[in-house]
N, C-alpha and C. Protein backbone atom coordinates (compact mmCIF):
# COMPACT_ATOMS: atom_id res chain seq x y z
N MET A 1 -80.19 -30.95 180.45
CA MET A 1 -80.02 -29.73 181.23
C MET A 1 -80.03 -30.07 182.72
N LYS A 2 -79.09 -29.50 183.45
CA LYS A 2 -79.00 -29.73 184.89
C LYS A 2 -79.76 -28.62 185.62
N VAL A 3 -80.58 -29.00 186.60
CA VAL A 3 -81.41 -28.02 187.29
C VAL A 3 -81.30 -28.15 188.80
N GLY A 4 -81.65 -27.06 189.46
CA GLY A 4 -81.79 -27.05 190.91
C GLY A 4 -83.27 -26.83 191.24
N ILE A 5 -83.83 -27.69 192.06
CA ILE A 5 -85.25 -27.57 192.45
C ILE A 5 -85.34 -26.78 193.75
N TYR A 6 -86.22 -25.77 193.77
CA TYR A 6 -86.47 -25.05 195.02
C TYR A 6 -87.94 -25.20 195.40
N ALA A 7 -88.18 -25.68 196.62
CA ALA A 7 -89.55 -25.88 197.11
C ALA A 7 -89.65 -25.27 198.50
N ARG A 8 -90.78 -24.60 198.75
CA ARG A 8 -90.97 -23.99 200.07
C ARG A 8 -92.45 -23.96 200.43
N VAL A 9 -92.73 -24.25 201.69
CA VAL A 9 -94.06 -24.02 202.25
C VAL A 9 -93.86 -23.21 203.52
N SER A 10 -94.83 -22.40 203.87
CA SER A 10 -94.74 -21.60 205.09
C SER A 10 -95.63 -22.22 206.16
N THR A 11 -95.41 -21.80 207.38
CA THR A 11 -96.24 -22.29 208.48
C THR A 11 -97.62 -21.66 208.44
N GLU A 12 -97.75 -20.58 207.66
CA GLU A 12 -99.02 -19.86 207.58
C GLU A 12 -99.86 -20.31 206.39
N LYS A 13 -99.21 -20.93 205.43
CA LYS A 13 -99.91 -21.25 204.19
C LYS A 13 -99.52 -22.66 203.77
N GLN A 14 -100.42 -23.60 203.91
CA GLN A 14 -100.10 -25.01 203.69
C GLN A 14 -101.03 -25.61 202.63
N GLU A 15 -101.14 -24.94 201.48
CA GLU A 15 -102.05 -25.47 200.46
C GLU A 15 -101.51 -26.76 199.83
N GLU A 16 -100.22 -26.97 199.91
CA GLU A 16 -99.67 -28.25 199.50
C GLU A 16 -98.51 -28.58 200.44
N SER A 17 -98.32 -29.87 200.69
CA SER A 17 -97.23 -30.26 201.58
C SER A 17 -95.90 -30.11 200.84
N LEU A 18 -94.84 -30.01 201.62
CA LEU A 18 -93.51 -29.87 201.04
C LEU A 18 -93.17 -31.10 200.21
N GLU A 19 -93.53 -32.28 200.73
CA GLU A 19 -93.24 -33.53 200.02
C GLU A 19 -93.99 -33.58 198.68
N GLU A 20 -95.23 -33.14 198.68
CA GLU A 20 -96.02 -33.14 197.46
C GLU A 20 -95.43 -32.18 196.43
N GLN A 21 -95.00 -31.01 196.91
CA GLN A 21 -94.40 -30.01 196.03
C GLN A 21 -93.14 -30.55 195.36
N VAL A 22 -92.29 -31.18 196.16
CA VAL A 22 -91.05 -31.74 195.62
C VAL A 22 -91.35 -32.86 194.62
N LYS A 23 -92.33 -33.70 194.95
CA LYS A 23 -92.70 -34.80 194.07
C LYS A 23 -93.16 -34.29 192.70
N ILE A 24 -93.98 -33.25 192.70
CA ILE A 24 -94.47 -32.67 191.45
C ILE A 24 -93.31 -32.14 190.62
N LEU A 25 -92.37 -31.47 191.27
CA LEU A 25 -91.23 -30.89 190.57
C LEU A 25 -90.29 -31.97 190.03
N GLU A 26 -90.09 -33.01 190.82
CA GLU A 26 -89.23 -34.11 190.36
C GLU A 26 -89.85 -34.82 189.16
N GLU A 27 -91.16 -35.01 189.19
CA GLU A 27 -91.85 -35.64 188.06
C GLU A 27 -91.77 -34.76 186.82
N PHE A 28 -91.89 -33.45 187.00
CA PHE A 28 -91.78 -32.51 185.88
C PHE A 28 -90.40 -32.62 185.24
N CYS A 29 -89.37 -32.65 186.08
CA CYS A 29 -87.99 -32.75 185.57
C CYS A 29 -87.77 -34.07 184.84
N LYS A 30 -88.33 -35.14 185.38
CA LYS A 30 -88.18 -36.46 184.76
C LYS A 30 -88.83 -36.48 183.38
N ARG A 31 -90.04 -35.90 183.27
CA ARG A 31 -90.75 -35.86 181.99
C ARG A 31 -89.97 -35.08 180.94
N ASN A 32 -89.27 -34.06 181.38
CA ASN A 32 -88.55 -33.19 180.43
C ASN A 32 -87.08 -33.57 180.27
N GLY A 33 -86.67 -34.63 180.94
CA GLY A 33 -85.29 -35.10 180.79
C GLY A 33 -84.26 -34.22 181.47
N TYR A 34 -84.67 -33.50 182.51
CA TYR A 34 -83.73 -32.64 183.23
C TYR A 34 -83.01 -33.43 184.31
N GLU A 35 -81.72 -33.20 184.43
CA GLU A 35 -80.93 -33.82 185.50
C GLU A 35 -81.02 -32.94 186.74
N ILE A 36 -81.41 -33.52 187.88
CA ILE A 36 -81.57 -32.75 189.11
C ILE A 36 -80.23 -32.71 189.86
N HIS A 37 -79.66 -31.52 189.96
CA HIS A 37 -78.41 -31.35 190.70
C HIS A 37 -78.64 -31.48 192.20
N ASN A 38 -79.72 -30.78 192.68
CA ASN A 38 -80.02 -30.80 194.11
C ASN A 38 -81.44 -30.31 194.34
N VAL A 39 -82.04 -30.74 195.44
CA VAL A 39 -83.37 -30.26 195.85
C VAL A 39 -83.18 -29.39 197.08
N TYR A 40 -83.56 -28.12 196.97
CA TYR A 40 -83.45 -27.17 198.08
C TYR A 40 -84.87 -26.96 198.61
N SER A 41 -85.20 -27.56 199.72
CA SER A 41 -86.56 -27.48 200.24
C SER A 41 -86.54 -27.03 201.69
N GLU A 42 -87.53 -26.22 202.07
CA GLU A 42 -87.58 -25.72 203.43
C GLU A 42 -88.99 -25.28 203.80
N THR A 43 -89.25 -25.29 205.10
CA THR A 43 -90.51 -24.79 205.64
C THR A 43 -90.21 -23.50 206.35
N ARG A 44 -90.46 -22.40 205.67
CA ARG A 44 -90.16 -21.07 206.21
C ARG A 44 -91.19 -20.09 205.70
N SER A 45 -91.49 -19.10 206.52
CA SER A 45 -92.30 -17.99 206.07
C SER A 45 -91.40 -17.08 205.26
N GLY A 46 -91.70 -16.91 203.97
CA GLY A 46 -90.84 -16.12 203.11
C GLY A 46 -90.65 -14.70 203.56
N ALA A 47 -91.67 -14.11 204.22
CA ALA A 47 -91.60 -12.70 204.59
C ALA A 47 -90.98 -12.48 205.96
N LYS A 48 -91.02 -13.49 206.84
CA LYS A 48 -90.65 -13.25 208.22
C LYS A 48 -89.42 -14.01 208.70
N SER A 49 -88.84 -14.84 207.88
CA SER A 49 -87.70 -15.61 208.36
C SER A 49 -86.66 -15.75 207.27
N LYS A 50 -85.46 -16.08 207.69
CA LYS A 50 -84.37 -16.26 206.74
C LYS A 50 -84.52 -17.61 206.06
N ARG A 51 -84.35 -17.60 204.76
CA ARG A 51 -84.49 -18.83 203.98
C ARG A 51 -83.09 -19.37 203.70
N GLU A 52 -82.61 -20.23 204.57
CA GLU A 52 -81.24 -20.72 204.45
C GLU A 52 -81.04 -21.56 203.19
N LYS A 53 -82.04 -22.39 202.85
CA LYS A 53 -81.92 -23.20 201.64
C LYS A 53 -81.95 -22.33 200.39
N PHE A 54 -82.73 -21.25 200.46
CA PHE A 54 -82.75 -20.31 199.34
C PHE A 54 -81.38 -19.66 199.16
N MET A 55 -80.75 -19.28 200.28
CA MET A 55 -79.42 -18.69 200.21
C MET A 55 -78.41 -19.69 199.65
N GLU A 56 -78.55 -20.94 200.04
CA GLU A 56 -77.67 -21.99 199.50
C GLU A 56 -77.88 -22.13 197.99
N LEU A 57 -79.14 -22.09 197.58
CA LEU A 57 -79.46 -22.17 196.16
C LEU A 57 -78.80 -21.04 195.40
N MET A 58 -78.92 -19.81 195.91
CA MET A 58 -78.37 -18.66 195.21
C MET A 58 -76.84 -18.69 195.17
N ARG A 59 -76.21 -19.26 196.20
CA ARG A 59 -74.75 -19.42 196.16
C ARG A 59 -74.36 -20.39 195.05
N ASP A 60 -75.16 -21.45 194.89
CA ASP A 60 -74.88 -22.41 193.82
C ASP A 60 -75.19 -21.83 192.45
N VAL A 61 -76.13 -20.89 192.40
CA VAL A 61 -76.40 -20.16 191.14
C VAL A 61 -75.15 -19.38 190.75
N GLU A 62 -74.56 -18.67 191.72
CA GLU A 62 -73.36 -17.89 191.45
C GLU A 62 -72.20 -18.79 191.00
N ALA A 63 -72.18 -20.00 191.51
CA ALA A 63 -71.12 -20.95 191.13
C ALA A 63 -71.45 -21.70 189.84
N ARG A 64 -72.62 -21.43 189.25
CA ARG A 64 -73.08 -22.06 188.02
C ARG A 64 -73.05 -23.59 188.12
N LYS A 65 -73.60 -24.12 189.21
CA LYS A 65 -73.61 -25.57 189.41
C LYS A 65 -74.73 -26.24 188.61
N PHE A 66 -75.65 -25.44 188.05
CA PHE A 66 -76.73 -25.98 187.23
C PHE A 66 -77.16 -24.91 186.23
N ASP A 67 -78.02 -25.31 185.31
CA ASP A 67 -78.42 -24.42 184.21
C ASP A 67 -79.73 -23.69 184.44
N ALA A 68 -80.56 -24.20 185.33
CA ALA A 68 -81.87 -23.59 185.56
C ALA A 68 -82.37 -23.89 186.96
N VAL A 69 -83.24 -23.01 187.46
CA VAL A 69 -83.93 -23.20 188.74
C VAL A 69 -85.38 -23.53 188.43
N VAL A 70 -85.89 -24.59 189.07
CA VAL A 70 -87.28 -25.01 188.83
C VAL A 70 -88.08 -24.85 190.12
N VAL A 71 -89.20 -24.12 190.03
CA VAL A 71 -90.09 -23.94 191.18
C VAL A 71 -91.51 -24.30 190.77
N LEU A 72 -92.38 -24.53 191.76
CA LEU A 72 -93.76 -24.86 191.44
C LEU A 72 -94.56 -23.63 191.04
N LYS A 73 -94.41 -22.55 191.84
CA LYS A 73 -95.14 -21.31 191.59
C LYS A 73 -94.26 -20.11 191.91
N LEU A 74 -94.57 -18.98 191.33
CA LEU A 74 -93.77 -17.78 191.54
C LEU A 74 -93.69 -17.40 193.02
N ASP A 75 -94.81 -17.52 193.75
CA ASP A 75 -94.81 -17.08 195.14
C ASP A 75 -94.01 -18.00 196.06
N ARG A 76 -93.58 -19.14 195.56
CA ARG A 76 -92.69 -20.00 196.35
C ARG A 76 -91.25 -19.51 196.28
N PHE A 77 -90.93 -18.71 195.24
CA PHE A 77 -89.55 -18.27 195.02
C PHE A 77 -89.28 -16.90 195.61
N GLY A 78 -90.26 -15.99 195.56
CA GLY A 78 -90.05 -14.63 196.04
C GLY A 78 -90.94 -14.29 197.22
N ARG A 79 -90.42 -13.47 198.15
CA ARG A 79 -91.19 -13.04 199.31
C ARG A 79 -92.15 -11.92 198.97
N SER A 80 -91.85 -11.19 197.90
CA SER A 80 -92.69 -10.10 197.41
C SER A 80 -92.42 -9.97 195.92
N MET A 81 -93.18 -9.13 195.25
CA MET A 81 -92.96 -8.97 193.82
C MET A 81 -91.56 -8.45 193.53
N LEU A 82 -91.12 -7.43 194.27
CA LEU A 82 -89.79 -6.89 194.04
C LEU A 82 -88.71 -7.92 194.36
N ASP A 83 -88.91 -8.68 195.44
CA ASP A 83 -87.95 -9.72 195.80
C ASP A 83 -87.88 -10.78 194.71
N LEU A 84 -89.03 -11.16 194.17
CA LEU A 84 -89.08 -12.14 193.09
C LEU A 84 -88.33 -11.63 191.87
N LEU A 85 -88.63 -10.38 191.47
CA LEU A 85 -88.01 -9.81 190.29
C LEU A 85 -86.50 -9.68 190.47
N SER A 86 -86.07 -9.26 191.66
CA SER A 86 -84.63 -9.12 191.93
C SER A 86 -83.93 -10.47 191.89
N SER A 87 -84.58 -11.50 192.44
CA SER A 87 -83.98 -12.84 192.44
C SER A 87 -83.86 -13.39 191.02
N VAL A 88 -84.89 -13.16 190.21
CA VAL A 88 -84.85 -13.62 188.82
C VAL A 88 -83.77 -12.86 188.05
N GLU A 89 -83.59 -11.58 188.38
CA GLU A 89 -82.52 -10.79 187.76
C GLU A 89 -81.15 -11.40 188.05
N LYS A 90 -80.97 -11.87 189.29
CA LYS A 90 -79.69 -12.49 189.66
C LYS A 90 -79.45 -13.77 188.86
N LEU A 91 -80.52 -14.53 188.64
CA LEU A 91 -80.38 -15.74 187.82
C LEU A 91 -79.91 -15.36 186.43
N LYS A 92 -80.54 -14.35 185.86
CA LYS A 92 -80.19 -13.92 184.51
C LYS A 92 -78.74 -13.46 184.44
N ALA A 93 -78.30 -12.72 185.48
CA ALA A 93 -76.94 -12.19 185.50
C ALA A 93 -75.90 -13.31 185.48
N HIS A 94 -76.26 -14.49 186.03
CA HIS A 94 -75.33 -15.62 186.07
C HIS A 94 -75.63 -16.66 184.98
N GLY A 95 -76.50 -16.30 184.05
CA GLY A 95 -76.79 -17.20 182.93
C GLY A 95 -77.58 -18.42 183.32
N VAL A 96 -78.38 -18.31 184.38
CA VAL A 96 -79.20 -19.43 184.85
C VAL A 96 -80.66 -19.17 184.51
N ASP A 97 -81.31 -20.13 183.89
CA ASP A 97 -82.71 -19.97 183.50
C ASP A 97 -83.64 -20.21 184.67
N PHE A 98 -84.92 -19.84 184.46
CA PHE A 98 -85.92 -19.93 185.52
C PHE A 98 -87.17 -20.60 184.96
N ILE A 99 -87.67 -21.61 185.69
CA ILE A 99 -88.86 -22.34 185.26
C ILE A 99 -89.86 -22.40 186.41
N SER A 100 -91.05 -21.84 186.18
CA SER A 100 -92.15 -21.92 187.15
C SER A 100 -93.22 -22.81 186.54
N VAL A 101 -93.37 -24.00 187.10
CA VAL A 101 -94.20 -25.04 186.47
C VAL A 101 -95.66 -24.62 186.34
N ASN A 102 -96.29 -24.26 187.43
CA ASN A 102 -97.73 -23.93 187.39
C ASN A 102 -98.04 -22.66 186.63
N ASP A 103 -97.05 -21.74 186.57
CA ASP A 103 -97.26 -20.47 185.87
C ASP A 103 -96.86 -20.55 184.40
N HIS A 104 -96.35 -21.72 183.98
CA HIS A 104 -95.96 -21.94 182.59
C HIS A 104 -94.94 -20.90 182.10
N ILE A 105 -93.98 -20.61 182.97
CA ILE A 105 -92.90 -19.69 182.62
C ILE A 105 -91.60 -20.47 182.49
N GLU A 106 -91.00 -20.44 181.32
CA GLU A 106 -89.73 -21.12 181.08
C GLU A 106 -88.84 -20.18 180.28
N THR A 107 -87.81 -19.67 180.91
CA THR A 107 -86.94 -18.72 180.20
C THR A 107 -85.95 -19.42 179.28
N THR A 108 -86.11 -20.73 179.11
CA THR A 108 -85.30 -21.46 178.14
C THR A 108 -85.84 -21.26 176.74
N THR A 109 -87.05 -20.72 176.61
CA THR A 109 -87.68 -20.49 175.31
C THR A 109 -87.56 -19.02 174.91
N PRO A 110 -87.74 -18.69 173.62
CA PRO A 110 -87.71 -17.29 173.20
C PRO A 110 -88.74 -16.44 173.94
N GLN A 111 -89.94 -17.01 174.16
CA GLN A 111 -90.98 -16.28 174.89
C GLN A 111 -90.54 -16.05 176.33
N GLY A 112 -89.89 -17.07 176.90
CA GLY A 112 -89.42 -16.94 178.28
C GLY A 112 -88.32 -15.90 178.42
N LYS A 113 -87.44 -15.82 177.43
CA LYS A 113 -86.38 -14.82 177.47
C LYS A 113 -86.97 -13.42 177.44
N LEU A 114 -88.07 -13.26 176.70
CA LEU A 114 -88.76 -11.97 176.68
C LEU A 114 -89.30 -11.64 178.08
N ILE A 115 -89.82 -12.67 178.76
CA ILE A 115 -90.34 -12.48 180.12
C ILE A 115 -89.20 -12.04 181.05
N PHE A 116 -88.01 -12.61 180.86
CA PHE A 116 -86.83 -12.21 181.62
C PHE A 116 -86.62 -10.70 181.52
N HIS A 117 -86.66 -10.19 180.29
CA HIS A 117 -86.44 -8.76 180.05
C HIS A 117 -87.55 -7.92 180.67
N ILE A 118 -88.79 -8.39 180.54
CA ILE A 118 -89.93 -7.65 181.10
C ILE A 118 -89.84 -7.59 182.61
N MET A 119 -89.50 -8.74 183.24
CA MET A 119 -89.38 -8.78 184.70
C MET A 119 -88.26 -7.87 185.17
N GLY A 120 -87.18 -7.80 184.42
CA GLY A 120 -86.08 -6.91 184.77
C GLY A 120 -86.51 -5.45 184.71
N ALA A 121 -87.29 -5.11 183.68
CA ALA A 121 -87.78 -3.74 183.55
C ALA A 121 -88.74 -3.40 184.69
N LEU A 122 -89.59 -4.37 185.07
CA LEU A 122 -90.52 -4.16 186.17
C LEU A 122 -89.77 -3.94 187.49
N ALA A 123 -88.70 -4.69 187.70
CA ALA A 123 -87.91 -4.55 188.92
C ALA A 123 -87.30 -3.15 188.99
N GLU A 124 -86.77 -2.68 187.87
CA GLU A 124 -86.18 -1.35 187.82
C GLU A 124 -87.24 -0.28 188.08
N PHE A 125 -88.43 -0.47 187.51
CA PHE A 125 -89.53 0.47 187.70
C PHE A 125 -89.96 0.52 189.17
N GLU A 126 -90.06 -0.66 189.80
CA GLU A 126 -90.47 -0.73 191.21
C GLU A 126 -89.43 -0.07 192.10
N ARG A 127 -88.15 -0.26 191.81
CA ARG A 127 -87.10 0.38 192.61
C ARG A 127 -87.17 1.89 192.48
N ALA A 128 -87.47 2.37 191.26
CA ALA A 128 -87.59 3.81 191.04
C ALA A 128 -88.76 4.38 191.84
N LEU A 129 -89.88 3.65 191.88
CA LEU A 129 -91.04 4.10 192.65
C LEU A 129 -90.72 4.18 194.13
N ILE A 130 -90.03 3.15 194.64
CA ILE A 130 -89.66 3.14 196.06
C ILE A 130 -88.75 4.32 196.39
N TYR A 131 -87.81 4.59 195.49
CA TYR A 131 -86.89 5.72 195.69
C TYR A 131 -87.66 7.04 195.74
N GLU A 132 -88.59 7.21 194.81
CA GLU A 132 -89.36 8.46 194.76
C GLU A 132 -90.23 8.62 196.00
N ARG A 133 -90.88 7.52 196.44
CA ARG A 133 -91.72 7.60 197.63
C ARG A 133 -90.88 7.93 198.86
N THR A 134 -89.70 7.33 198.95
CA THR A 134 -88.81 7.59 200.08
C THR A 134 -88.34 9.04 200.08
N LYS A 135 -87.96 9.53 198.90
CA LYS A 135 -87.47 10.90 198.77
C LYS A 135 -88.55 11.91 199.16
N VAL A 136 -89.78 11.66 198.70
CA VAL A 136 -90.90 12.55 199.03
C VAL A 136 -91.13 12.57 200.54
N GLY A 137 -91.08 11.38 201.17
CA GLY A 137 -91.27 11.28 202.61
C GLY A 137 -90.20 12.01 203.39
N ILE A 138 -88.94 11.88 202.96
CA ILE A 138 -87.84 12.56 203.63
C ILE A 138 -87.96 14.07 203.49
N ASP A 139 -88.29 14.54 202.27
CA ASP A 139 -88.44 15.97 202.04
C ASP A 139 -89.55 16.56 202.91
N ARG A 140 -90.67 15.83 203.04
CA ARG A 140 -91.78 16.30 203.86
C ARG A 140 -91.37 16.36 205.33
N ALA A 141 -90.65 15.32 205.78
CA ALA A 141 -90.21 15.28 207.18
C ALA A 141 -89.26 16.42 207.48
N LYS A 142 -88.38 16.74 206.53
CA LYS A 142 -87.43 17.84 206.73
C LYS A 142 -88.16 19.17 206.84
N ARG A 143 -89.19 19.34 206.00
CA ARG A 143 -89.97 20.58 206.04
C ARG A 143 -90.68 20.74 207.39
N GLU A 144 -91.01 19.60 208.00
CA GLU A 144 -91.70 19.62 209.30
C GLU A 144 -90.72 19.67 210.47
N GLY A 145 -89.41 19.76 210.13
CA GLY A 145 -88.41 19.90 211.16
C GLY A 145 -87.99 18.60 211.83
N LYS A 146 -88.34 17.48 211.23
CA LYS A 146 -87.98 16.19 211.80
C LYS A 146 -86.58 15.79 211.37
N VAL A 147 -85.88 15.09 212.25
CA VAL A 147 -84.53 14.59 211.93
C VAL A 147 -84.67 13.27 211.20
N CYS A 148 -84.07 13.21 210.04
CA CYS A 148 -84.20 12.00 209.21
C CYS A 148 -82.87 11.24 209.20
N HIS A 149 -82.91 10.03 209.62
CA HIS A 149 -81.74 9.15 209.50
C HIS A 149 -82.23 7.72 209.49
N ARG A 150 -81.45 6.87 208.90
CA ARG A 150 -81.83 5.47 208.82
C ARG A 150 -81.47 4.77 210.13
N PRO A 151 -82.42 4.05 210.75
CA PRO A 151 -82.10 3.32 211.98
C PRO A 151 -81.08 2.22 211.68
N LYS A 152 -80.24 1.96 212.66
CA LYS A 152 -79.21 0.95 212.47
C LYS A 152 -79.83 -0.43 212.30
N LYS A 153 -79.26 -1.20 211.38
CA LYS A 153 -79.73 -2.55 211.14
C LYS A 153 -79.30 -3.44 212.31
N ALA A 154 -80.27 -4.13 212.90
CA ALA A 154 -79.96 -5.02 214.02
C ALA A 154 -79.25 -6.28 213.52
N VAL A 155 -78.22 -6.68 214.24
CA VAL A 155 -77.45 -7.87 213.87
C VAL A 155 -77.25 -8.72 215.12
N ASN A 156 -77.51 -10.02 214.99
CA ASN A 156 -77.28 -10.94 216.10
C ASN A 156 -75.79 -11.30 216.12
N LEU A 157 -75.03 -10.55 216.91
CA LEU A 157 -73.57 -10.71 216.92
C LEU A 157 -73.13 -12.07 217.44
N GLU A 158 -73.85 -12.60 218.42
CA GLU A 158 -73.50 -13.92 218.96
C GLU A 158 -73.58 -14.97 217.86
N ARG A 159 -74.64 -14.91 217.05
CA ARG A 159 -74.80 -15.86 215.95
C ARG A 159 -73.74 -15.62 214.88
N VAL A 160 -73.44 -14.35 214.61
CA VAL A 160 -72.43 -14.01 213.60
C VAL A 160 -71.07 -14.57 214.00
N ILE A 161 -70.68 -14.33 215.25
CA ILE A 161 -69.37 -14.79 215.73
C ILE A 161 -69.29 -16.31 215.71
N ASP A 162 -70.38 -16.97 216.10
CA ASP A 162 -70.40 -18.43 216.08
C ASP A 162 -70.16 -18.96 214.68
N ARG A 163 -70.83 -18.37 213.70
CA ARG A 163 -70.65 -18.81 212.31
C ARG A 163 -69.25 -18.49 211.80
N TYR A 164 -68.76 -17.29 212.18
CA TYR A 164 -67.44 -16.87 211.75
C TYR A 164 -66.36 -17.81 212.27
N ASN A 165 -66.49 -18.20 213.55
CA ASN A 165 -65.51 -19.11 214.16
C ASN A 165 -65.62 -20.53 213.63
N LYS A 166 -66.71 -20.84 212.95
CA LYS A 166 -66.86 -22.15 212.30
C LYS A 166 -66.26 -22.15 210.90
N GLY A 167 -65.71 -20.99 210.51
CA GLY A 167 -65.03 -20.92 209.22
C GLY A 167 -65.85 -20.35 208.09
N ILE A 168 -67.06 -19.86 208.38
CA ILE A 168 -67.89 -19.27 207.32
C ILE A 168 -67.37 -17.88 207.03
N PRO A 169 -67.07 -17.55 205.77
CA PRO A 169 -66.55 -16.22 205.43
C PRO A 169 -67.51 -15.11 205.85
N LEU A 170 -66.96 -13.97 206.21
CA LEU A 170 -67.77 -12.85 206.69
C LEU A 170 -68.75 -12.38 205.62
N ARG A 171 -68.32 -12.38 204.37
CA ARG A 171 -69.22 -11.94 203.29
C ARG A 171 -70.42 -12.88 203.17
N GLU A 172 -70.19 -14.16 203.36
CA GLU A 172 -71.29 -15.14 203.30
C GLU A 172 -72.23 -14.95 204.49
N ILE A 173 -71.66 -14.67 205.66
CA ILE A 173 -72.49 -14.42 206.85
C ILE A 173 -73.36 -13.19 206.63
N ALA A 174 -72.78 -12.16 206.00
CA ALA A 174 -73.54 -10.94 205.73
C ALA A 174 -74.74 -11.25 204.85
N ALA A 175 -74.55 -12.11 203.86
CA ALA A 175 -75.67 -12.49 202.98
C ALA A 175 -76.73 -13.25 203.75
N ILE A 176 -76.29 -14.15 204.64
CA ILE A 176 -77.24 -14.93 205.44
C ILE A 176 -78.04 -14.02 206.37
N GLU A 177 -77.37 -13.01 206.92
CA GLU A 177 -78.02 -12.10 207.86
C GLU A 177 -78.79 -10.97 207.17
N HIS A 178 -78.70 -10.95 205.83
CA HIS A 178 -79.39 -9.92 205.04
C HIS A 178 -78.92 -8.51 205.39
N VAL A 179 -77.60 -8.36 205.56
CA VAL A 179 -77.01 -7.04 205.76
C VAL A 179 -75.81 -6.93 204.82
N SER A 180 -75.35 -5.72 204.59
CA SER A 180 -74.18 -5.55 203.72
C SER A 180 -72.92 -5.96 204.48
N TYR A 181 -71.88 -6.26 203.71
CA TYR A 181 -70.59 -6.63 204.30
C TYR A 181 -70.06 -5.50 205.18
N GLY A 182 -70.19 -4.23 204.69
CA GLY A 182 -69.73 -3.08 205.45
C GLY A 182 -70.49 -2.90 206.75
N THR A 183 -71.81 -3.09 206.69
CA THR A 183 -72.64 -2.97 207.90
C THR A 183 -72.22 -3.98 208.95
N LEU A 184 -71.97 -5.21 208.51
CA LEU A 184 -71.57 -6.25 209.46
C LEU A 184 -70.23 -5.92 210.09
N GLN A 185 -69.29 -5.43 209.30
CA GLN A 185 -67.99 -5.02 209.84
C GLN A 185 -68.16 -3.90 210.88
N ASN A 186 -69.02 -2.92 210.56
CA ASN A 186 -69.25 -1.80 211.48
C ASN A 186 -69.84 -2.27 212.80
N ARG A 187 -70.82 -3.21 212.74
CA ARG A 187 -71.45 -3.68 213.97
C ARG A 187 -70.44 -4.42 214.85
N LEU A 188 -69.54 -5.17 214.21
CA LEU A 188 -68.51 -5.90 214.96
C LEU A 188 -67.55 -4.92 215.62
N ARG A 189 -67.15 -3.89 214.88
CA ARG A 189 -66.23 -2.89 215.44
C ARG A 189 -66.88 -2.13 216.59
N GLU A 190 -68.17 -1.76 216.41
CA GLU A 190 -68.88 -1.03 217.45
C GLU A 190 -68.98 -1.84 218.74
N ALA A 191 -69.01 -3.18 218.58
CA ALA A 191 -69.10 -4.06 219.75
C ALA A 191 -67.72 -4.37 220.33
N GLY A 192 -66.68 -3.76 219.74
CA GLY A 192 -65.33 -3.96 220.24
C GLY A 192 -64.70 -5.26 219.79
N ILE A 193 -65.23 -5.86 218.75
CA ILE A 193 -64.71 -7.13 218.25
C ILE A 193 -63.74 -6.83 217.12
N LYS A 194 -62.48 -7.19 217.31
CA LYS A 194 -61.45 -6.91 216.32
C LYS A 194 -61.28 -8.12 215.39
N LEU A 195 -60.98 -7.82 214.15
CA LEU A 195 -60.78 -8.87 213.16
C LEU A 195 -59.36 -8.87 212.65
N ASP A 196 -58.79 -10.05 212.46
CA ASP A 196 -57.49 -10.17 211.80
C ASP A 196 -57.76 -10.19 210.31
N ILE A 197 -57.33 -9.16 209.61
CA ILE A 197 -57.59 -9.09 208.17
C ILE A 197 -56.58 -9.97 207.44
N ARG A 198 -57.06 -11.08 206.97
CA ARG A 198 -56.24 -12.02 206.20
C ARG A 198 -57.01 -12.40 204.95
N PRO A 199 -56.34 -13.01 203.95
CA PRO A 199 -57.07 -13.39 202.73
C PRO A 199 -58.29 -14.24 202.99
N ASP A 200 -58.25 -15.08 204.07
CA ASP A 200 -59.40 -15.93 204.37
C ASP A 200 -60.33 -15.27 205.37
N GLU A 201 -60.10 -14.00 205.67
CA GLU A 201 -60.90 -13.17 206.58
C GLU A 201 -60.66 -13.50 208.05
N GLY A 202 -59.68 -14.33 208.32
CA GLY A 202 -59.22 -14.53 209.69
C GLY A 202 -60.24 -15.06 210.67
N ARG A 203 -60.04 -14.69 211.93
CA ARG A 203 -60.91 -15.11 213.02
C ARG A 203 -61.14 -13.93 213.95
N THR A 204 -62.22 -13.95 214.69
CA THR A 204 -62.48 -12.89 215.66
C THR A 204 -61.59 -13.08 216.88
N LYS A 205 -61.30 -11.93 217.55
CA LYS A 205 -60.53 -12.02 218.80
C LYS A 205 -61.48 -11.91 219.98
């Protein structure tokens, strides 16, 4: 089985070094006869910064470059419980298994496949709770006469344009910036930046 290893440590939490984490995962793969496609490792705060190696990993998941993702612990893979569950859902959608070494979770087994289903149900439940809490908050604000609207998502246009001019597709930049493709297009238009719409998404003017 071909696998992708993902390892992360944050600047706030250094219970194990990045090198040690990768070494443990590589030894685990060797013991189990797994072929390592690539090691995606980074030092980033999962909650406060963009995880570029994680984004690269997920792009390779979509391309089915390996059969499973191997991590040391669940909290190394997700920034929050909902983020973890959503990420695992994406793996399942692309037929990629998930292995968390210290948590003894392997979706390659029948028991692990059951965990996949349970985690998916939990993600759906959490999204429903968030929706209900948001709806209640909006209804209360409206009753109090407050204007409710979503604040515009901030986008670093200079960074976006730089990446775009380097040939990175706009949809990929949107994923890196954690905004929707439509939102990114709107921010560019609002800034007066015109795009040549071509199959390869063109270049900015």
